[in-house]
Amino acid sequence: MRMRKVFFHGFELIVYDSVYEPFEDSYLLAENVRVMPGTSALDIGCGCGIQAINLLRQGAIVTATDINKYALKNTEENIKRLGFSSNAKILYGDLFEPVKGKKFDCIVFNPPYLPNNGKEDKALDGGKKGNELLFRFIEHLPRFLKKNGSAYFIQSSITNEAETKQKLKYVGFKYNVLTRKHFFFEDLVVFKAFL
């Protein structure tokens, strides 16, 4: 299996060939997530583990999930290599499926946000309009976030930001837009949602 290497806060991460490589979206999201030591955190769609490792380096107790079994193995390897295994659990499944009945102080999600172009790539395909997966996440979020907890996610200007804000309000969330950055053909926006 071919691998690439990326760097985050001085940590070297290995990225398997069949796993989403961290790009601007991954780094922008990670740079805006802040937690206190001991925070219970969930990283949905963990990929190579960059969000989980960002949470772990801040002292969180992390559950990382993905529907790509190679991504789970990739995350597990990076977490182990960096010495964070004792505070991490890695589970297979779609969105919140692996953590039914549990609640977290912090939930992080870097969703696939590109509109479906006919090719199936679970790391990029956000559905027909690009926000279907994000909206599924938002719909289920209230059942998994503790009171006073926060959820962080990223969105592209390719999809409808106003619809996301409406959806958050509809399910009872307040939100802040933490940052907005322009890259090539899109703006990337980091949301922080809370009850």
Protein backbone atom coordinates (compact mmCIF):
# COMPACT_ATOMS: atom_id res chain seq x y z
CA MET A 1 0.00 0.00 0.00
CA ARG A 2 1.38 3.39 -1.03
CA MET A 3 1.50 6.13 1.57
CA ARG A 4 2.09 9.85 1.68
CA LYS A 5 3.24 12.02 4.57
CA VAL A 6 1.74 15.26 5.83
CA PHE A 7 2.64 17.43 8.80
CA PHE A 8 0.45 19.04 11.43
CA HIS A 9 1.78 20.97 14.46
CA GLY A 10 5.10 19.16 14.18
CA PHE A 11 3.47 15.72 13.97
CA GLU A 12 4.20 13.56 10.94
CA LEU A 13 1.06 11.79 9.74
CA ILE A 14 1.02 8.92 7.28
CA VAL A 15 -1.84 8.98 4.75
CA TYR A 16 -2.83 5.72 3.06
CA ASP A 17 -3.47 5.81 -0.67
CA SER A 18 -7.18 5.03 -0.26
CA VAL A 19 -7.76 7.70 2.43
CA TYR A 20 -8.59 11.42 2.06
CA GLU A 21 -5.41 13.44 2.35
CA PRO A 22 -5.65 16.53 4.57
CA PHE A 23 -5.95 19.70 2.48
CA GLU A 24 -6.83 23.32 3.25
CA ASP A 25 -10.23 22.32 4.66
CA SER A 26 -8.72 19.86 7.14
CA TYR A 27 -6.12 22.31 8.42
CA LEU A 28 -8.56 25.23 8.60
CA LEU A 29 -11.00 23.17 10.66
CA ALA A 30 -8.31 21.85 13.01
CA GLU A 31 -6.89 25.32 13.62
CA ASN A 32 -10.29 26.53 14.83
CA VAL A 33 -11.19 23.69 17.21
CA ARG A 34 -10.31 24.38 20.84
CA VAL A 35 -11.08 22.03 23.74
CA MET A 36 -10.15 21.71 27.39
CA PRO A 37 -8.23 18.67 28.69
CA GLY A 38 -10.60 15.84 29.61
CA THR A 39 -13.22 16.86 27.02
CA SER A 40 -15.14 13.94 25.52
CA ALA A 41 -14.84 14.39 21.75
CA LEU A 42 -16.14 12.69 18.63
CA ASP A 43 -14.39 12.92 15.26
CA ILE A 44 -16.77 11.81 12.50
CA GLY A 45 -15.17 10.77 9.22
CA CYS A 46 -11.69 10.60 10.72
CA GLY A 47 -9.72 9.91 7.52
CA CYS A 48 -6.04 9.74 8.44
CA GLY A 49 -6.81 11.10 11.93
CA ILE A 50 -5.84 14.77 11.72
CA GLN A 51 -8.92 16.03 13.64
CA ALA A 52 -8.64 13.24 16.23
CA ILE A 53 -4.95 14.01 16.74
CA ASN A 54 -5.70 17.72 17.07
CA LEU A 55 -8.21 16.88 19.82
CA LEU A 56 -5.88 14.39 21.51
CA ARG A 57 -2.95 16.82 21.57
CA GLN A 58 -5.23 19.22 23.50
CA GLY A 59 -5.98 16.50 26.08
CA ALA A 60 -9.40 15.30 24.89
CA ILE A 61 -10.71 11.73 25.21
CA VAL A 62 -11.53 10.92 21.58
CA THR A 63 -13.80 8.55 19.68
CA ALA A 64 -13.02 8.53 15.95
CA THR A 65 -15.36 7.00 13.37
CA ASP A 66 -15.38 6.41 9.62
CA ILE A 67 -17.13 4.24 7.00
CA ASN A 68 -13.81 3.61 5.26
CA LYS A 69 -12.05 0.71 7.01
CA TYR A 70 -8.70 1.84 5.59
CA ALA A 71 -9.27 5.24 7.18
CA LEU A 72 -9.85 3.60 10.56
CA LYS A 73 -6.65 1.61 10.21
CA ASN A 74 -4.83 4.76 9.07
CA THR A 75 -6.11 6.78 12.05
CA GLU A 76 -5.23 3.97 14.42
CA GLU A 77 -1.68 3.77 13.07
CA ASN A 78 -1.10 7.53 13.33
CA ILE A 79 -2.55 7.72 16.85
CA LYS A 80 -0.42 4.77 17.97
CA ARG A 81 2.77 6.15 16.38
CA LEU A 82 2.23 9.48 18.16
CA GLY A 83 1.57 7.87 21.55
CA PHE A 84 -2.08 8.86 21.98
CA SER A 85 -3.67 5.36 21.97
CA SER A 86 -4.69 5.38 25.63
CA ASN A 87 -7.16 8.25 25.08
CA ALA A 88 -8.61 7.11 21.74
CA LYS A 89 -11.30 4.70 20.56
CA ILE A 90 -11.78 3.95 16.86
CA LEU A 91 -15.13 2.68 15.55
CA TYR A 92 -16.53 1.69 12.16
CA GLY A 93 -19.83 3.13 10.93
CA ASP A 94 -21.81 5.87 9.23
CA LEU A 95 -22.11 9.25 10.98
CA PHE A 96 -23.47 8.71 14.54
CA GLU A 97 -24.32 5.01 14.07
CA PRO A 98 -21.30 3.68 16.04
CA VAL A 99 -21.99 5.90 19.09
CA LYS A 100 -25.75 5.43 19.58
CA GLY A 101 -26.82 6.40 23.09
CA LYS A 102 -23.65 8.42 23.83
CA LYS A 103 -23.21 12.17 24.16
CA PHE A 104 -20.07 14.26 23.71
CA ASP A 105 -18.76 17.66 24.80
CA CYS A 106 -17.29 18.27 21.35
CA ILE A 107 -18.11 16.88 17.91
CA VAL A 108 -15.97 17.58 14.84
CA PHE A 109 -16.95 16.81 11.25
CA ASN A 110 -15.19 17.62 7.99
CA PRO A 111 -17.96 16.41 5.68
CA PRO A 112 -17.67 15.61 2.01
CA TYR A 113 -19.15 18.79 0.51
CA LEU A 114 -18.85 18.55 -3.26
CA PRO A 115 -22.00 18.00 -5.33
CA ASN A 116 -22.15 14.51 -6.83
CA ASN A 117 -20.65 14.56 -10.31
CA GLY A 118 -21.57 10.99 -11.22
CA LYS A 119 -18.45 9.41 -9.71
CA GLU A 120 -18.76 7.74 -6.35
CA ASP A 121 -16.09 8.96 -3.95
CA LYS A 122 -17.28 8.87 -0.34
CA ALA A 123 -14.48 11.24 0.73
CA LEU A 124 -15.73 14.00 -1.58
CA ASP A 125 -19.37 13.27 -2.44
CA GLY A 126 -21.75 15.34 -0.31
CA GLY A 127 -24.83 14.27 -2.29
CA LYS A 128 -26.68 15.74 -5.24
CA LYS A 129 -26.42 19.36 -4.01
CA GLY A 130 -23.30 18.79 -1.88
CA ASN A 131 -24.95 19.38 1.49
CA GLU A 132 -27.13 16.29 2.00
CA LEU A 133 -24.61 14.53 4.24
CA LEU A 134 -24.03 17.71 6.24
CA PHE A 135 -27.79 18.09 6.74
CA ARG A 136 -28.08 14.47 7.97
CA PHE A 137 -25.33 15.27 10.47
CA ILE A 138 -27.14 18.43 11.68
CA GLU A 139 -30.48 16.59 12.03
CA HIS A 140 -28.96 14.00 14.39
CA LEU A 141 -26.61 16.37 16.23
CA PRO A 142 -28.97 17.35 19.10
CA ARG A 143 -29.13 13.74 20.34
CA PHE A 144 -25.35 13.38 20.60
CA LEU A 145 -24.11 16.73 21.88
CA LYS A 146 -24.07 17.40 25.62
CA LYS A 147 -25.58 20.56 27.04
CA ASN A 148 -22.93 23.31 26.83
CA GLY A 149 -21.12 21.26 24.18
CA SER A 150 -19.98 22.48 20.76
CA ALA A 151 -19.92 21.02 17.27
CA TYR A 152 -17.45 22.20 14.65
CA PHE A 153 -17.80 21.58 10.93
CA ILE A 154 -16.68 23.03 7.64
CA GLN A 155 -18.69 24.07 4.61
CA SER A 156 -17.81 25.23 1.12
CA SER A 157 -19.39 28.22 -0.62
CA ILE A 158 -20.16 25.78 -3.45
CA THR A 159 -23.13 24.69 -1.31
CA ASN A 160 -25.77 26.95 0.23
CA GLU A 161 -24.54 28.51 3.48
CA ALA A 162 -27.90 30.19 4.17
CA GLU A 163 -29.63 26.78 4.06
CA THR A 164 -27.14 25.46 6.62
CA LYS A 165 -27.89 28.36 8.96
CA GLN A 166 -31.62 27.73 8.57
CA LYS A 167 -31.14 24.03 9.27
CA LEU A 168 -29.15 24.74 12.45
CA LYS A 169 -31.87 27.09 13.73
CA TYR A 170 -34.58 24.57 12.85
CA VAL A 171 -33.00 21.86 15.05
CA GLY A 172 -32.51 24.34 17.90
CA PHE A 173 -28.87 25.35 17.51
CA LYS A 174 -27.14 28.69 17.75
CA TYR A 175 -23.95 29.10 15.75
CA ASN A 176 -20.91 31.24 15.07
CA VAL A 177 -18.96 31.42 11.84
CA LEU A 178 -15.42 31.19 13.23
CA THR A 179 -13.55 31.91 10.04
CA ARG A 180 -13.92 32.22 6.30
CA LYS A 181 -11.03 31.72 3.89
CA HIS A 182 -10.84 31.90 0.11
CA PHE A 183 -9.13 29.07 -1.80
CA PHE A 184 -9.05 28.96 -5.60
CA PHE A 185 -12.70 28.48 -6.64
CA GLU A 186 -14.41 28.51 -3.23
CA ASP A 187 -14.63 30.00 0.24
CA LEU A 188 -14.32 27.60 3.16
CA VAL A 189 -16.32 28.43 6.28
CA VAL A 190 -15.87 26.95 9.76
CA PHE A 191 -19.05 26.76 11.85
CA LYS A 192 -19.28 26.31 15.60
CA ALA A 193 -22.77 25.15 16.63
CA PHE A 194 -24.09 24.93 20.18
CA LEU A 195 -27.39 24.48 22.01
